[in-house]
C-alpha atoms as a PDB file:
ATOM      1  CA  MET A   1     111.702  59.441 107.974  1.00  0.00           C
ATOM      2  CA  LEU A   2     109.323  61.010 105.559  1.00  0.00           C
ATOM      3  CA  LYS A   3     106.103  60.528 107.581  1.00  0.00           C
ATOM      4  CA  ALA A   4     107.916  62.521 110.829  1.00  0.00           C
ATOM      5  CA  SER A   5     109.031  64.850 109.010  1.00  0.00           C
ATOM      6  CA  LEU A   6     105.375  65.671 108.052  1.00  0.00           C
ATOM      7  CA  TRP A   7     103.713  65.123 111.352  1.00  0.00           C
ATOM      8  CA  LEU A   8     106.663  67.297 112.626  1.00  0.00           C
ATOM      9  CA  PHE A   9     105.438  70.014 110.110  1.00  0.00           C
ATOM     10  CA  VAL A  10     101.439  68.824 111.606  1.00  0.00           C
ATOM     11  CA  VAL A  11     103.188  69.811 114.514  1.00  0.00           C
ATOM     12  CA  LEU A  12     104.600  73.114 114.067  1.00  0.00           C
ATOM     13  CA  GLY A  13     101.724  74.336 111.663  1.00  0.00           C
ATOM     14  CA  THR A  14      99.334  73.605 114.355  1.00  0.00           C
ATOM     15  CA  VAL A  15     101.935  76.038 116.771  1.00  0.00           C
ATOM     16  CA  LEU A  16     102.208  79.049 114.414  1.00  0.00           C
ATOM     17  CA  LEU A  17      98.394  79.370 114.113  1.00  0.00           C
ATOM     18  CA  GLY A  18      97.522  78.808 118.089  1.00  0.00           C
ATOM     19  CA  VAL A  19     100.245  81.454 118.828  1.00  0.00           C
ATOM     20  CA  GLY A  20      99.077  83.817 116.304  1.00  0.00           C
ATOM     21  CA  LEU A  21      95.821  83.123 117.071  1.00  0.00           C
ATOM     22  CA  VAL A  22      96.412  84.279 120.812  1.00  0.00           C
ATOM     23  CA  TYR A  23      98.473  87.594 119.796  1.00  0.00           C
ATOM     24  CA  LEU A  24      95.251  88.715 117.107  1.00  0.00           C
ATOM     25  CA  THR A  25      92.975  88.264 119.281  1.00  0.00           C
ATOM     26  CA  ARG A  26      94.482  90.151 122.219  1.00  0.00           C
ATOM     27  CA  GLY A  27      92.983  93.460 123.123  1.00  0.00           C
ATOM     28  CA  GLU A  28      96.622  95.385 124.435  1.00  0.00           C
ATOM     29  CA  PHE A  29     100.217  93.873 124.220  1.00  0.00           C
ATOM     30  CA  MET A  30     101.933  91.599 125.927  1.00  0.00           C
ATOM     31  CA  PRO A  31     103.971  92.449 129.260  1.00  0.00           C
ATOM     32  CA  TYR A  32     107.123  92.186 127.473  1.00  0.00           C
ATOM     33  CA  HIS A  33     106.357  94.506 125.275  1.00  0.00           C
ATOM     34  CA  SER A  34     105.499  96.775 128.365  1.00  0.00           C
ATOM     35  CA  ARG A  35     108.790  95.983 129.747  1.00  0.00           C
ATOM     36  CA  ALA A  36     110.604  96.915 125.826  1.00  0.00           C
ATOM     37  CA  LEU A  37     108.783 100.557 126.755  1.00  0.00           C
ATOM     38  CA  GLN A  38     108.392 100.602 129.694  1.00  0.00           C
ATOM     39  CA  ILE A  39     105.282 101.788 130.204  1.00  0.00           C
ATOM     40  CA  GLU A  40     102.259 100.092 130.789  1.00  0.00           C
ATOM     41  CA  TRP A  41      99.193  99.784 128.099  1.00  0.00           C
ATOM     42  CA  SER A  42      96.422 102.017 130.072  1.00  0.00           C
ATOM     43  CA  GLY A  43      99.517 104.766 130.316  1.00  0.00           C
ATOM     44  CA  LEU A  44     100.075 105.006 125.835  1.00  0.00           C
ATOM     45  CA  SER A  45      97.715 107.684 124.429  1.00  0.00           C
ATOM     46  CA  PRO A  46      94.633 105.830 122.498  1.00  0.00           C
ATOM     47  CA  ASN A  47      96.710 106.788 119.763  1.00  0.00           C
ATOM     48  CA  TYR A  48      99.969 104.735 120.245  1.00  0.00           C
ATOM     49  CA  GLN A  49      97.930 102.178 120.904  1.00  0.00           C
ATOM     50  CA  GLY A  50      95.604 101.507 117.563  1.00  0.00           C
ATOM     51  CA  LEU A  51      99.450 101.932 115.828  1.00  0.00           C
ATOM     52  CA  LEU A  52     100.605  98.886 118.230  1.00  0.00           C
ATOM     53  CA  LEU A  53      97.358  96.900 117.690  1.00  0.00           C
ATOM     54  CA  GLY A  54      97.924  97.660 114.257  1.00  0.00           C
ATOM     55  CA  MET A  55     101.272  96.287 114.210  1.00  0.00           C
ATOM     56  CA  LEU A  56     100.665  93.284 116.203  1.00  0.00           C
ATOM     57  CA  ARG A  57      97.559  92.193 114.403  1.00  0.00           C
ATOM     58  CA  GLY A  58      99.798  92.500 110.653  1.00  0.00           C
ATOM     59  CA  LEU A  59     102.225  90.349 112.320  1.00  0.00           C
ATOM     60  CA  ALA A  60      99.703  88.164 114.228  1.00  0.00           C
ATOM     61  CA  ALA A  61      98.164  87.457 110.646  1.00  0.00           C
ATOM     62  CA  GLY A  62     101.160  86.251 109.159  1.00  0.00           C
ATOM     63  CA  GLN A  63     101.400  83.658 111.455  1.00  0.00           C
ATOM     64  CA  VAL A  64      98.345  82.524 111.674  1.00  0.00           C
ATOM     65  CA  ILE A  65      98.756  82.587 107.314  1.00  0.00           C
ATOM     66  CA  ALA A  66     101.935  80.863 107.442  1.00  0.00           C
ATOM     67  CA  GLY A  67     100.697  78.349 110.496  1.00  0.00           C
ATOM     68  CA  LEU A  68      97.422  77.433 108.458  1.00  0.00           C
ATOM     69  CA  ALA A  69      99.711  76.710 105.202  1.00  0.00           C
ATOM     70  CA  THR A  70     101.968  75.093 106.757  1.00  0.00           C
ATOM     71  CA  LEU A  71      98.823  72.576 108.308  1.00  0.00           C
ATOM     72  CA  LEU A  72      97.359  72.331 105.304  1.00  0.00           C
ATOM     73  CA  MET A  73     100.698  71.427 102.604  1.00  0.00           C
ATOM     74  CA  ALA A  74     101.930  68.920 105.433  1.00  0.00           C
ATOM     75  CA  VAL A  75      98.199  67.202 105.859  1.00  0.00           C
ATOM     76  CA  ALA A  76      97.938  67.317 101.711  1.00  0.00           C
ATOM     77  CA  SER A  77     101.360  65.523 101.880  1.00  0.00           C
ATOM     78  CA  LEU A  78     100.389  62.941 104.450  1.00  0.00           C
ATOM     79  CA  ARG A  79      97.205  61.763 102.228  1.00  0.00           C
ATOM     80  CA  ARG A  80      98.894  62.229  99.198  1.00  0.00           C
ATOM     81  CA  SER A  81     102.304  63.295  98.039  1.00  0.00           C
ATOM     82  CA  ALA A  82     104.888  65.386  99.330  1.00  0.00           C
ATOM     83  CA  ARG A  83     106.305  66.123  95.908  1.00  0.00           C
ATOM     84  CA  PRO A  84     104.023  69.351  95.276  1.00  0.00           C
ATOM     85  CA  TYR A  85     105.110  70.980  98.791  1.00  0.00           C
ATOM     86  CA  LEU A  86     109.304  69.636  98.322  1.00  0.00           C
ATOM     87  CA  VAL A  87     109.558  73.562  98.698  1.00  0.00           C
ATOM     88  CA  LEU A  88     107.242  75.925  99.192  1.00  0.00           C
ATOM     89  CA  LEU A  89     106.773  73.809 102.913  1.00  0.00           C
ATOM     90  CA  PRO A  90     110.142  74.625 104.234  1.00  0.00           C
ATOM     91  CA  VAL A  91     110.143  78.226 102.571  1.00  0.00           C
ATOM     92  CA  VAL A  92     107.264  79.417 104.225  1.00  0.00           C
ATOM     93  CA  CYS A  93     107.399  76.960 107.366  1.00  0.00           C
ATOM     94  CA  LEU A  94     110.976  77.801 108.415  1.00  0.00           C
ATOM     95  CA  GLY A  95     111.235  81.601 106.936  1.00  0.00           C
ATOM     96  CA  TYR A  96     108.231  82.344 108.590  1.00  0.00           C
ATOM     97  CA  SER A  97     110.102  80.991 111.711  1.00  0.00           C
ATOM     98  CA  VAL A  98     113.272  82.801 110.706  1.00  0.00           C
ATOM     99  CA  LEU A  99     111.766  86.118 109.803  1.00  0.00           C
ATOM    100  CA  ILE A 100     109.329  86.729 112.984  1.00  0.00           C
ATOM    101  CA  THR A 101     112.351  85.206 115.408  1.00  0.00           C
ATOM    102  CA  TYR A 102     114.896  87.730 114.088  1.00  0.00           C
ATOM    103  CA  ALA A 103     111.653  90.814 114.692  1.00  0.00           C
ATOM    104  CA  THR A 104     112.159  89.042 118.125  1.00  0.00           C
ATOM    105  CA  TYR A 105     115.907  89.276 118.560  1.00  0.00           C
ATOM    106  CA  ILE A 106     115.464  92.914 117.261  1.00  0.00           C
ATOM    107  CA  VAL A 107     113.531  93.334 120.682  1.00  0.00           C
ATOM    108  CA  ALA A 108     115.391  91.358 123.171  1.00  0.00           C
ATOM    109  CA  SER A 109     118.883  92.924 122.062  1.00  0.00           C
ATOM    110  CA  ARG A 110     116.823  97.046 121.801  1.00  0.00           C
ATOM    111  CA  THR A 111     115.299  97.334 124.861  1.00  0.00           C
ATOM    112  CA  PRO A 112     114.619  95.807 128.193  1.00  0.00           C
ATOM    113  CA  GLY A 113     111.660  93.238 127.431  1.00  0.00           C
ATOM    114  CA  GLU A 114     112.214  89.992 127.502  1.00  0.00           C
ATOM    115  CA  PRO A 115     110.730  88.527 124.745  1.00  0.00           C
ATOM    116  CA  PRO A 116     110.469  84.397 123.348  1.00  0.00           C
ATOM    117  CA  LEU A 117     113.680  84.358 122.111  1.00  0.00           C
ATOM    118  CA  SER A 118     114.119  80.488 123.049  1.00  0.00           C
ATOM    119  CA  PHE A 119     110.770  79.887 121.362  1.00  0.00           C
ATOM    120  CA  GLY A 120     111.920  81.233 117.922  1.00  0.00           C
ATOM    121  CA  VAL A 121     115.197  79.188 118.056  1.00  0.00           C
ATOM    122  CA  ILE A 122     113.689  76.347 118.655  1.00  0.00           C
ATOM    123  CA  THR A 123     110.953  76.634 116.235  1.00  0.00           C
ATOM    124  CA  ILE A 124     113.896  77.387 113.384  1.00  0.00           C
ATOM    125  CA  LEU A 125     115.613  74.341 114.811  1.00  0.00           C
ATOM    126  CA  LEU A 126     112.957  71.927 114.507  1.00  0.00           C
ATOM    127  CA  ALA A 127     111.320  73.610 110.864  1.00  0.00           C
ATOM    128  CA  GLY A 128     114.866  73.146 109.824  1.00  0.00           C
ATOM    129  CA  ALA A 129     115.398  69.572 111.151  1.00  0.00           C
ATOM    130  CA  ALA A 130     111.436  68.829 109.184  1.00  0.00           C
ATOM    131  CA  SER A 131     112.506  70.180 106.191  1.00  0.00           C
ATOM    132  CA  VAL A 132     115.730  68.099 106.060  1.00  0.00           C
ATOM    133  CA  MET A 133     113.929  64.727 106.694  1.00  0.00           C
ATOM    134  CA  LEU A 134     111.167  65.661 104.212  1.00  0.00           C
ATOM    135  CA  GLN A 135     114.125  66.114 101.855  1.00  0.00           C
ATOM    136  CA  VAL A 136     115.855  63.048 102.681  1.00  0.00           C
ATOM    137  CA  GLY A 137     112.284  60.869 103.431  1.00  0.00           C
ATOM    138  CA  VAL A 138     111.250  62.204  99.225  1.00  0.00           C
ATOM    139  CA  ARG A 139     114.538  61.564  98.013  1.00  0.00           C
ATOM    140  CA  ALA A 140     114.389  57.933  99.372  1.00  0.00           C
ATOM    141  CA  GLU A 141     110.863  56.967  98.650  1.00  0.00           C
ATOM    142  CA  ALA A 142     112.105  57.611  95.402  1.00  0.00           C
ATOM    143  CA  SER A 143     114.957  55.776  95.494  1.00  0.00           C
ATOM    144  CA  SER A 144     112.686  52.603  96.710  1.00  0.00           C
ATOM    145  CA  ARG A 145     110.522  51.883  93.729  1.00  0.00           C
END
């Protein structure tokens, strides 16, 4: 169970990193942002474009760091021991997933945009499962010694 949880964290870290890089490198907002604001990117003044792009890139930077940290901790745990990351790994991966999904929920509930809320919920469920599996796996490994 321990190895399965760590591989799931590898997948989650890779996904967080990949999605973060997509948002970090975009030159404008996503189509669902356009629907949320009911305006095309080109219809925004340069000031609003700069503000929105800065906010999106700030969120994306956090996602890149959370994904990279999750990935590095999971790989290190596969090579050595998961004990040093027993708390930090779930906090980073699950914590970021919950917070970004909450932000996505706000857009979904308060605007006509249709952000990828189901993606966030699935990420939370997988990160929660990986977190529980990690705790159980480390305890099982310790009791078998």
